[in-house]
């Protein structure tokens, strides 16, 4: 009789843990969907392209609305970086989708950061602090998808071996495999 009670209690604990895990995963999906939808909005998409075009301080728009759009775009990316750092959304999901845009924005973000610091526009010592961590991770991130050239380092080879077989087949069909 006691054994049955122990088994039932153990099953209840297992079901509770599985429920918590599934609920957490669902919350991560919802949070990622929300931030992704925000970043793909027309205005932030425009802001991202504006940032990519900036390579020196003279490239920064003079229009105050454009500057606000740039700062809003960077603020949302900074929030996404904070969500990833605190595991509200998985870093892997963020990097898998955003590693190329983050790499392409780096020069513009650095220019905007220097400009904001010189003009004392930021109330903090380092504007968009979470974003720098994510940009650094994006720089070293290498996807197993066809968007990235093959990484033949030992880490890249291990990553390709660990990739699901359907991704390896896609990579081979795209002609990127050696």
N, C-alpha and C. Protein backbone atom coordinates (compact mmCIF):
# COMPACT_ATOMS: atom_id res chain seq x y z
N UNK A 1 0.82 -1.19 0.00
CA UNK A 1 0.00 0.00 0.00
C UNK A 1 0.87 1.26 0.00
N UNK A 2 1.93 1.28 0.85
CA UNK A 2 2.82 2.43 0.89
C UNK A 2 3.59 2.60 -0.41
N UNK A 3 3.93 1.51 -1.05
CA UNK A 3 4.66 1.56 -2.31
C UNK A 3 3.82 2.24 -3.39
N UNK A 4 2.53 1.94 -3.42
CA UNK A 4 1.63 2.56 -4.40
C UNK A 4 1.56 4.08 -4.15
N UNK A 5 1.49 4.48 -2.91
CA UNK A 5 1.43 5.90 -2.57
C UNK A 5 2.72 6.61 -2.98
N UNK A 6 3.85 5.96 -2.78
CA UNK A 6 5.14 6.54 -3.17
C UNK A 6 5.22 6.69 -4.69
N UNK A 7 4.78 5.66 -5.40
CA UNK A 7 4.79 5.71 -6.86
C UNK A 7 3.89 6.83 -7.38
N UNK A 8 2.71 6.94 -6.80
CA UNK A 8 1.78 8.01 -7.21
C UNK A 8 2.36 9.38 -6.91
N UNK A 9 2.99 9.55 -5.76
CA UNK A 9 3.61 10.83 -5.40
C UNK A 9 4.76 11.15 -6.35
N UNK A 10 5.56 10.13 -6.68
CA UNK A 10 6.67 10.34 -7.60
C UNK A 10 6.15 10.73 -8.99
N UNK A 11 5.11 10.08 -9.44
CA UNK A 11 4.51 10.43 -10.73
C UNK A 11 3.97 11.86 -10.71
N UNK A 12 3.36 12.24 -9.61
CA UNK A 12 2.84 13.61 -9.49
C UNK A 12 3.96 14.64 -9.58
N UNK A 13 5.09 14.34 -8.95
CA UNK A 13 6.25 15.24 -9.02
C UNK A 13 6.77 15.31 -10.45
N UNK A 14 6.87 14.17 -11.12
CA UNK A 14 7.36 14.15 -12.51
C UNK A 14 6.42 14.93 -13.41
N UNK A 15 5.12 14.72 -13.28
CA UNK A 15 4.15 15.45 -14.10
C UNK A 15 4.24 16.95 -13.82
N UNK A 16 4.42 17.33 -12.57
CA UNK A 16 4.56 18.75 -12.23
C UNK A 16 5.81 19.35 -12.87
N UNK A 17 6.93 18.63 -12.82
CA UNK A 17 8.17 19.13 -13.42
C UNK A 17 8.04 19.26 -14.95
N UNK A 18 7.42 18.29 -15.57
CA UNK A 18 7.21 18.35 -17.02
C UNK A 18 6.31 19.53 -17.36
N UNK A 19 5.28 19.74 -16.58
CA UNK A 19 4.37 20.86 -16.81
C UNK A 19 5.10 22.19 -16.68
N UNK A 20 5.94 22.32 -15.67
CA UNK A 20 6.71 23.55 -15.47
C UNK A 20 7.65 23.77 -16.65
N UNK A 21 8.33 22.71 -17.09
CA UNK A 21 9.24 22.82 -18.23
C UNK A 21 8.50 23.24 -19.49
N UNK A 22 7.37 22.61 -19.77
CA UNK A 22 6.60 22.96 -20.97
C UNK A 22 6.05 24.37 -20.90
N UNK A 23 5.61 24.78 -19.72
CA UNK A 23 5.10 26.14 -19.55
C UNK A 23 6.22 27.16 -19.77
N UNK A 24 7.38 26.88 -19.24
CA UNK A 24 8.54 27.78 -19.44
C UNK A 24 8.88 27.91 -20.91
N UNK A 25 8.87 26.79 -21.62
CA UNK A 25 9.18 26.81 -23.06
C UNK A 25 8.13 27.62 -23.82
N UNK A 26 6.87 27.47 -23.44
CA UNK A 26 5.80 28.24 -24.08
C UNK A 26 5.97 29.74 -23.81
N UNK A 27 6.36 30.10 -22.61
CA UNK A 27 6.60 31.51 -22.27
C UNK A 27 7.79 32.06 -23.08
N UNK A 28 8.82 31.24 -23.27
CA UNK A 28 9.96 31.67 -24.08
C UNK A 28 9.53 31.91 -25.52
N UNK A 29 8.71 31.01 -26.05
CA UNK A 29 8.22 31.19 -27.43
C UNK A 29 7.42 32.48 -27.56
N UNK A 30 6.54 32.73 -26.60
CA UNK A 30 5.71 33.93 -26.64
C UNK A 30 6.57 35.20 -26.54
N UNK A 31 7.55 35.18 -25.65
CA UNK A 31 8.43 36.34 -25.50
C UNK A 31 9.24 36.57 -26.77
N UNK A 32 9.76 35.49 -27.36
CA UNK A 32 10.55 35.64 -28.58
C UNK A 32 9.66 36.14 -29.72
N UNK A 33 8.47 35.59 -29.84
CA UNK A 33 7.55 36.03 -30.89
C UNK A 33 7.25 37.52 -30.76
N UNK A 34 7.08 37.98 -29.54
CA UNK A 34 6.79 39.40 -29.29
C UNK A 34 7.97 40.28 -29.71
N UNK A 35 9.17 39.93 -29.29
CA UNK A 35 10.33 40.76 -29.63
C UNK A 35 10.63 40.67 -31.12
N UNK A 36 10.44 39.50 -31.71
CA UNK A 36 10.66 39.35 -33.15
C UNK A 36 9.67 40.21 -33.94
N UNK A 37 8.41 40.18 -33.56
CA UNK A 37 7.39 40.99 -34.23
C UNK A 37 7.73 42.48 -34.11
N UNK A 38 8.18 42.89 -32.95
CA UNK A 38 8.56 44.29 -32.76
C UNK A 38 9.73 44.66 -33.65
N UNK A 39 10.76 43.81 -33.68
CA UNK A 39 11.94 44.11 -34.50
C UNK A 39 11.65 44.07 -36.00
N UNK A 40 10.63 43.34 -36.40
CA UNK A 40 10.29 43.27 -37.82
C UNK A 40 9.26 44.31 -38.23
N UNK A 41 8.86 45.18 -37.30
CA UNK A 41 7.93 46.25 -37.67
C UNK A 41 8.61 47.17 -38.68
N UNK A 42 7.80 47.86 -39.46
CA UNK A 42 8.34 48.70 -40.53
C UNK A 42 9.33 49.74 -40.02
N UNK A 43 8.97 50.41 -38.93
CA UNK A 43 9.86 51.48 -38.46
C UNK A 43 11.19 50.94 -37.93
N UNK A 44 11.16 49.85 -37.17
CA UNK A 44 12.42 49.31 -36.66
C UNK A 44 13.24 48.65 -37.77
N UNK A 45 12.56 48.12 -38.76
CA UNK A 45 13.27 47.59 -39.92
C UNK A 45 14.00 48.73 -40.63
N UNK A 46 13.33 49.85 -40.77
CA UNK A 46 13.96 51.04 -41.37
C UNK A 46 15.12 51.52 -40.50
N UNK A 47 14.93 51.53 -39.18
CA UNK A 47 15.99 51.93 -38.26
C UNK A 47 17.21 51.04 -38.37
N UNK A 48 16.99 49.75 -38.52
CA UNK A 48 18.09 48.81 -38.67
C UNK A 48 18.88 49.11 -39.94
N UNK A 49 18.19 49.38 -41.03
CA UNK A 49 18.88 49.70 -42.29
C UNK A 49 19.62 51.02 -42.20
N UNK A 50 19.05 51.97 -41.48
CA UNK A 50 19.74 53.26 -41.29
C UNK A 50 21.03 53.05 -40.50
N UNK A 51 20.99 52.22 -39.48
CA UNK A 51 22.18 51.94 -38.66
C UNK A 51 23.27 51.29 -39.52
N UNK A 52 22.87 50.37 -40.39
CA UNK A 52 23.85 49.70 -41.25
C UNK A 52 24.60 50.68 -42.15
N UNK A 53 23.94 51.77 -42.54
CA UNK A 53 24.55 52.73 -43.46
C UNK A 53 25.51 53.69 -42.77
N UNK A 54 25.52 53.69 -41.45
CA UNK A 54 26.37 54.62 -40.70
C UNK A 54 27.76 54.02 -40.52
N UNK A 55 28.77 54.77 -40.97
CA UNK A 55 30.14 54.30 -40.75
C UNK A 55 30.99 55.37 -40.07
N UNK A 56 30.52 56.59 -40.07
CA UNK A 56 31.22 57.67 -39.37
C UNK A 56 30.18 58.68 -38.89
N UNK A 57 30.60 59.58 -38.00
CA UNK A 57 29.67 60.52 -37.37
C UNK A 57 28.92 61.37 -38.39
N UNK A 58 29.54 61.69 -39.51
CA UNK A 58 28.86 62.51 -40.52
C UNK A 58 27.70 61.78 -41.19
N UNK A 59 27.64 60.44 -41.05
CA UNK A 59 26.55 59.65 -41.63
C UNK A 59 25.30 59.64 -40.74
N UNK A 60 25.43 60.10 -39.51
CA UNK A 60 24.29 60.10 -38.59
C UNK A 60 23.30 61.15 -39.07
N UNK A 61 22.03 60.77 -39.21
CA UNK A 61 21.03 61.73 -39.70
C UNK A 61 20.93 62.94 -38.78
N UNK A 62 20.62 64.07 -39.37
CA UNK A 62 20.45 65.31 -38.60
C UNK A 62 19.02 65.46 -38.10
N UNK A 63 18.08 64.83 -38.77
CA UNK A 63 16.67 64.92 -38.39
C UNK A 63 16.44 64.25 -37.04
N UNK A 64 15.83 64.97 -36.13
CA UNK A 64 15.62 64.45 -34.77
C UNK A 64 14.75 63.20 -34.76
N UNK A 65 13.76 63.12 -35.64
CA UNK A 65 12.91 61.93 -35.69
C UNK A 65 13.70 60.70 -36.13
N UNK A 66 14.62 60.88 -37.07
CA UNK A 66 15.47 59.77 -37.51
C UNK A 66 16.40 59.32 -36.39
N UNK A 67 16.95 60.27 -35.66
CA UNK A 67 17.84 59.93 -34.54
C UNK A 67 17.05 59.17 -33.46
N UNK A 68 15.84 59.63 -33.19
CA UNK A 68 15.00 58.91 -32.22
C UNK A 68 14.71 57.49 -32.69
N UNK A 69 14.47 57.33 -33.99
CA UNK A 69 14.23 56.00 -34.54
C UNK A 69 15.46 55.11 -34.37
N UNK A 70 16.63 55.67 -34.61
CA UNK A 70 17.87 54.91 -34.41
C UNK A 70 18.00 54.47 -32.96
N UNK A 71 17.78 55.38 -32.04
CA UNK A 71 17.92 55.07 -30.62
C UNK A 71 16.84 54.08 -30.16
N UNK A 72 15.64 54.21 -30.71
CA UNK A 72 14.57 53.26 -30.36
C UNK A 72 14.94 51.87 -30.86
N UNK A 73 15.45 51.79 -32.08
CA UNK A 73 15.87 50.50 -32.64
C UNK A 73 16.94 49.87 -31.76
N UNK A 74 17.92 50.66 -31.38
CA UNK A 74 18.99 50.14 -30.52
C UNK A 74 18.45 49.74 -29.15
N UNK A 75 17.47 50.49 -28.65
CA UNK A 75 16.86 50.14 -27.37
C UNK A 75 16.14 48.81 -27.41
N UNK A 76 15.44 48.54 -28.51
CA UNK A 76 14.74 47.26 -28.63
C UNK A 76 15.75 46.12 -28.77
N UNK A 77 16.82 46.32 -29.56
CA UNK A 77 17.85 45.30 -29.65
C UNK A 77 18.52 45.09 -28.29
N UNK A 78 18.72 46.15 -27.53
CA UNK A 78 19.29 46.03 -26.19
C UNK A 78 18.37 45.21 -25.29
N UNK A 79 17.05 45.43 -25.42
CA UNK A 79 16.10 44.63 -24.64
C UNK A 79 16.14 43.16 -25.05
N UNK A 80 16.25 42.91 -26.37
CA UNK A 80 16.35 41.52 -26.82
C UNK A 80 17.61 40.87 -26.23
N UNK A 81 18.69 41.62 -26.21
CA UNK A 81 19.94 41.10 -25.64
C UNK A 81 19.78 40.80 -24.15
N UNK A 82 19.06 41.67 -23.44
CA UNK A 82 18.82 41.43 -22.03
C UNK A 82 17.95 40.18 -21.84
N UNK A 83 16.91 40.03 -22.68
CA UNK A 83 16.06 38.83 -22.61
C UNK A 83 16.90 37.57 -22.82
N UNK A 84 17.81 37.63 -23.78
CA UNK A 84 18.66 36.46 -24.06
C UNK A 84 19.61 36.20 -22.89
N UNK A 85 20.18 37.26 -22.35
CA UNK A 85 21.14 37.09 -21.25
C UNK A 85 20.48 36.50 -20.01
N UNK A 86 19.24 36.90 -19.77
CA UNK A 86 18.52 36.40 -18.59
C UNK A 86 17.67 35.17 -18.90
N UNK A 87 17.87 34.61 -20.10
CA UNK A 87 17.22 33.38 -20.52
C UNK A 87 15.70 33.47 -20.59
N UNK A 88 15.20 34.69 -20.80
CA UNK A 88 13.77 34.85 -21.07
C UNK A 88 13.49 34.25 -22.45
N UNK A 89 14.43 34.45 -23.37
CA UNK A 89 14.41 33.77 -24.67
C UNK A 89 15.76 33.09 -24.83
N UNK A 90 15.79 31.95 -25.49
CA UNK A 90 17.07 31.25 -25.68
C UNK A 90 18.03 32.04 -26.57
N UNK A 91 19.26 32.17 -26.16
CA UNK A 91 20.28 32.87 -26.93
C UNK A 91 20.43 32.24 -28.31
N UNK A 92 20.31 30.93 -28.37
CA UNK A 92 20.43 30.20 -29.64
C UNK A 92 19.39 30.70 -30.65
N UNK A 93 18.16 30.90 -30.20
CA UNK A 93 17.11 31.38 -31.11
C UNK A 93 17.46 32.77 -31.62
N UNK A 94 17.89 33.62 -30.70
CA UNK A 94 18.23 35.00 -31.07
C UNK A 94 19.37 35.01 -32.08
N UNK A 95 20.42 34.28 -31.79
CA UNK A 95 21.58 34.30 -32.68
C UNK A 95 21.30 33.62 -34.02
N UNK A 96 20.50 32.58 -34.01
CA UNK A 96 20.20 31.88 -35.26
C UNK A 96 19.52 32.82 -36.27
N UNK A 97 18.67 33.70 -35.79
CA UNK A 97 17.95 34.61 -36.68
C UNK A 97 18.68 35.94 -36.88
N UNK A 98 19.29 36.45 -35.83
CA UNK A 98 19.79 37.83 -35.86
C UNK A 98 21.31 37.96 -35.97
N UNK A 99 22.06 36.88 -36.13
CA UNK A 99 23.53 37.02 -36.13
C UNK A 99 24.03 37.87 -37.30
N UNK A 100 23.47 37.73 -38.48
CA UNK A 100 23.93 38.55 -39.61
C UNK A 100 23.53 40.02 -39.45
N UNK A 101 22.25 40.32 -39.12
CA UNK A 101 21.91 41.75 -38.91
C UNK A 101 22.75 42.40 -37.81
N UNK A 102 23.03 41.67 -36.73
CA UNK A 102 23.85 42.24 -35.66
C UNK A 102 25.27 42.52 -36.13
N UNK A 103 25.85 41.60 -36.89
CA UNK A 103 27.19 41.82 -37.43
C UNK A 103 27.21 43.03 -38.36
N UNK A 104 26.18 43.14 -39.20
CA UNK A 104 26.12 44.23 -40.17
C UNK A 104 25.90 45.58 -39.50
N UNK A 105 25.29 45.58 -38.33
CA UNK A 105 25.01 46.83 -37.62
C UNK A 105 26.17 47.29 -36.75
N UNK A 106 27.15 46.46 -36.50
CA UNK A 106 28.19 46.76 -35.52
C UNK A 106 28.85 48.12 -35.73
N UNK A 107 29.31 48.39 -36.94
CA UNK A 107 30.03 49.65 -37.20
C UNK A 107 29.12 50.85 -36.91
N UNK A 108 27.88 50.79 -37.36
CA UNK A 108 26.94 51.89 -37.10
C UNK A 108 26.66 52.07 -35.62
N UNK A 109 26.51 50.96 -34.91
CA UNK A 109 26.24 51.02 -33.46
C UNK A 109 27.44 51.63 -32.74
N UNK A 110 28.64 51.22 -33.13
CA UNK A 110 29.84 51.80 -32.51
C UNK A 110 29.91 53.30 -32.76
N UNK A 111 29.60 53.73 -33.97
CA UNK A 111 29.62 55.16 -34.30
C UNK A 111 28.57 55.91 -33.48
N UNK A 112 27.37 55.35 -33.39
CA UNK A 112 26.31 55.99 -32.60
C UNK A 112 26.68 56.04 -31.12
N UNK A 113 27.32 55.00 -30.63
CA UNK A 113 27.75 54.98 -29.22
C UNK A 113 28.77 56.09 -28.96
N UNK A 114 29.77 56.18 -29.82
CA UNK A 114 30.79 57.22 -29.65
C UNK A 114 30.16 58.60 -29.70
N UNK A 115 29.26 58.78 -30.65
CA UNK A 115 28.60 60.08 -30.81
C UNK A 115 27.76 60.43 -29.57
N UNK A 116 27.02 59.45 -29.07
CA UNK A 116 26.19 59.69 -27.88
C UNK A 116 27.05 60.03 -26.67
N UNK A 117 28.19 59.36 -26.53
CA UNK A 117 29.08 59.64 -25.40
C UNK A 117 29.72 61.02 -25.53
N UNK A 118 30.11 61.39 -26.75
CA UNK A 118 30.73 62.71 -26.95
C UNK A 118 29.74 63.83 -26.69
N UNK A 119 28.50 63.62 -27.07
CA UNK A 119 27.48 64.66 -26.92
C UNK A 119 26.75 64.57 -25.59
N UNK A 120 27.17 63.64 -24.74
CA UNK A 120 26.53 63.43 -23.43
C UNK A 120 25.03 63.21 -23.56
N UNK A 121 24.63 62.47 -24.59
CA UNK A 121 23.21 62.18 -24.81
C UNK A 121 22.72 61.02 -23.95
N UNK A 122 23.64 60.25 -23.46
CA UNK A 122 23.26 59.08 -22.67
C UNK A 122 23.45 59.37 -21.19
N UNK A 123 22.49 58.95 -20.39
CA UNK A 123 22.59 59.15 -18.95
C UNK A 123 23.44 58.07 -18.29
N UNK A 124 23.85 57.08 -19.06
CA UNK A 124 24.69 56.01 -18.53
C UNK A 124 26.07 56.07 -19.17
N UNK A 125 27.03 55.47 -18.52
CA UNK A 125 28.41 55.51 -19.02
C UNK A 125 28.55 54.76 -20.35
N UNK A 126 27.82 53.68 -20.51
CA UNK A 126 27.90 52.86 -21.71
C UNK A 126 26.50 52.65 -22.28
N UNK A 127 26.16 53.34 -23.37
CA UNK A 127 24.82 53.16 -23.94
C UNK A 127 24.64 51.73 -24.48
N UNK A 128 23.45 51.19 -24.31
CA UNK A 128 23.06 49.87 -24.80
C UNK A 128 24.03 48.77 -24.34
N UNK A 129 24.23 48.65 -23.04
CA UNK A 129 25.25 47.72 -22.54
C UNK A 129 24.98 46.25 -22.86
N UNK A 130 23.72 45.84 -22.86
CA UNK A 130 23.42 44.44 -23.15
C UNK A 130 23.71 44.10 -24.61
N UNK A 131 23.48 45.08 -25.47
CA UNK A 131 23.64 44.87 -26.90
C UNK A 131 25.07 44.51 -27.27
N UNK A 132 26.05 45.09 -26.58
CA UNK A 132 27.46 44.81 -26.90
C UNK A 132 27.80 43.35 -26.68
N UNK A 133 27.24 42.78 -25.62
CA UNK A 133 27.47 41.37 -25.33
C UNK A 133 26.91 40.51 -26.47
N UNK A 134 25.68 40.86 -26.91
CA UNK A 134 25.05 40.09 -27.98
C UNK A 134 25.77 40.27 -29.31
N UNK A 135 26.22 41.48 -29.61
CA UNK A 135 26.96 41.71 -30.86
C UNK A 135 28.25 40.90 -30.85
N UNK A 136 28.94 40.87 -29.72
CA UNK A 136 30.17 40.07 -29.63
C UNK A 136 29.87 38.58 -29.86
N UNK A 137 28.77 38.10 -29.31
CA UNK A 137 28.39 36.70 -29.52
C UNK A 137 28.04 36.46 -30.99
N UNK A 138 27.37 37.42 -31.60
CA UNK A 138 26.99 37.28 -33.02
C UNK A 138 28.23 37.23 -33.90
N UNK A 139 29.25 38.00 -33.54
CA UNK A 139 30.50 38.01 -34.32
C UNK A 139 31.14 36.63 -34.37
N UNK A 140 31.07 35.90 -33.28
CA UNK A 140 31.70 34.58 -33.25
C UNK A 140 30.72 33.46 -33.55
N UNK A 141 29.44 33.79 -33.73
CA UNK A 141 28.42 32.76 -33.98
C UNK A 141 28.51 32.27 -35.42
N UNK A 142 28.38 31.00 -35.59
CA UNK A 142 28.41 30.42 -36.93
C UNK A 142 27.26 29.43 -37.03
N UNK A 143 26.30 29.73 -37.86
CA UNK A 143 25.13 28.88 -38.03
C UNK A 143 25.46 27.64 -38.84
N UNK A 144 24.73 26.57 -38.57
CA UNK A 144 24.85 25.37 -39.39
C UNK A 144 23.97 25.47 -40.63
N UNK A 145 23.20 26.54 -40.74
CA UNK A 145 22.33 26.75 -41.89
C UNK A 145 23.14 27.28 -43.07
N UNK A 146 22.59 27.22 -44.28
CA UNK A 146 23.34 27.65 -45.47
C UNK A 146 23.69 29.14 -45.51
N UNK A 147 23.18 29.94 -44.60
CA UNK A 147 23.47 31.38 -44.63
C UNK A 147 24.94 31.68 -44.33
N UNK A 148 25.61 30.79 -43.64
CA UNK A 148 27.01 31.02 -43.26
C UNK A 148 27.92 30.09 -44.06
N UNK A 149 29.06 30.60 -44.49
CA UNK A 149 30.02 29.71 -45.16
C UNK A 149 30.50 28.65 -44.17
N UNK A 150 30.94 27.54 -44.72
CA UNK A 150 31.39 26.45 -43.85
C UNK A 150 32.53 26.90 -42.95
N UNK A 151 32.41 26.54 -41.68
CA UNK A 151 33.46 26.80 -40.70
C UNK A 151 34.24 25.50 -40.55
N UNK A 152 35.46 25.48 -41.04
CA UNK A 152 36.25 24.25 -41.00
C UNK A 152 37.15 24.14 -39.78
N UNK A 153 36.91 24.99 -38.79
CA UNK A 153 37.65 24.84 -37.54
C UNK A 153 37.14 23.58 -36.84
N UNK A 154 37.82 23.15 -35.82
CA UNK A 154 37.39 21.96 -35.09
C UNK A 154 36.02 22.18 -34.45
N UNK A 155 35.76 23.42 -34.00
CA UNK A 155 34.44 23.72 -33.42
C UNK A 155 33.34 23.63 -34.47
N UNK A 156 33.65 24.14 -35.67
CA UNK A 156 32.67 24.09 -36.76
C UNK A 156 32.37 22.67 -37.18
N UNK A 157 33.38 21.84 -37.23
CA UNK A 157 33.17 20.44 -37.62
C UNK A 157 32.32 19.71 -36.58
N UNK A 158 32.59 19.97 -35.31
CA UNK A 158 31.79 19.34 -34.25
C UNK A 158 30.35 19.84 -34.34
N UNK A 159 30.17 21.15 -34.56
CA UNK A 159 28.84 21.73 -34.65
C UNK A 159 28.07 21.10 -35.81
N UNK A 160 28.74 20.89 -36.95
CA UNK A 160 28.06 20.28 -38.09
C UNK A 160 27.68 18.84 -37.80
N UNK A 161 28.56 18.12 -37.10
CA UNK A 161 28.23 16.74 -36.74
C UNK A 161 27.04 16.68 -35.79
N UNK A 162 26.92 17.67 -34.93
CA UNK A 162 25.84 17.69 -33.95
C UNK A 162 24.54 18.23 -34.53
N UNK A 163 24.61 18.85 -35.71
CA UNK A 163 23.41 19.42 -36.32
C UNK A 163 22.44 18.31 -36.70
N UNK A 164 21.14 18.59 -36.61
CA UNK A 164 20.16 17.58 -37.04
C UNK A 164 20.42 17.20 -38.50
N UNK A 165 20.15 15.95 -38.82
CA UNK A 165 20.45 15.44 -40.17
C UNK A 165 19.73 16.22 -41.25
N UNK A 166 18.53 16.74 -40.98
CA UNK A 166 17.80 17.50 -42.01
C UNK A 166 18.55 18.78 -42.36
N UNK A 167 19.28 19.39 -41.39
CA UNK A 167 20.05 20.59 -41.69
C UNK A 167 21.26 20.24 -42.53
N UNK A 168 21.88 19.10 -42.24
CA UNK A 168 23.04 18.69 -43.04
C UNK A 168 22.62 18.40 -44.47
N UNK A 169 21.44 17.79 -44.67
CA UNK A 169 20.95 17.53 -46.03
C UNK A 169 20.71 18.84 -46.77
N UNK A 170 20.12 19.82 -46.10
CA UNK A 170 19.90 21.13 -46.73
C UNK A 170 21.22 21.75 -47.13
N UNK A 171 22.20 21.64 -46.27
CA UNK A 171 23.51 22.22 -46.54
C UNK A 171 24.14 21.57 -47.76
N UNK A 172 23.99 20.25 -47.89
CA UNK A 172 24.56 19.52 -49.01
C UNK A 172 23.84 19.88 -50.30
N UNK A 173 22.52 19.99 -50.27
CA UNK A 173 21.76 20.35 -51.47
C UNK A 173 22.07 21.75 -51.95
N UNK A 174 22.38 22.65 -51.04
CA UNK A 174 22.62 24.03 -51.44
C UNK A 174 23.99 24.18 -52.12
N UNK A 175 24.78 23.11 -52.11
CA UNK A 175 26.08 23.15 -52.76
C UNK A 175 27.18 23.72 -51.89
N UNK A 176 26.88 23.95 -50.62
CA UNK A 176 27.87 24.57 -49.74
C UNK A 176 28.79 23.54 -49.10
N UNK A 177 28.41 22.28 -49.17
CA UNK A 177 29.24 21.26 -48.52
C UNK A 177 30.45 20.94 -49.39
N UNK A 178 31.52 20.55 -48.72
CA UNK A 178 32.72 20.19 -49.46
C UNK A 178 32.89 18.71 -49.53
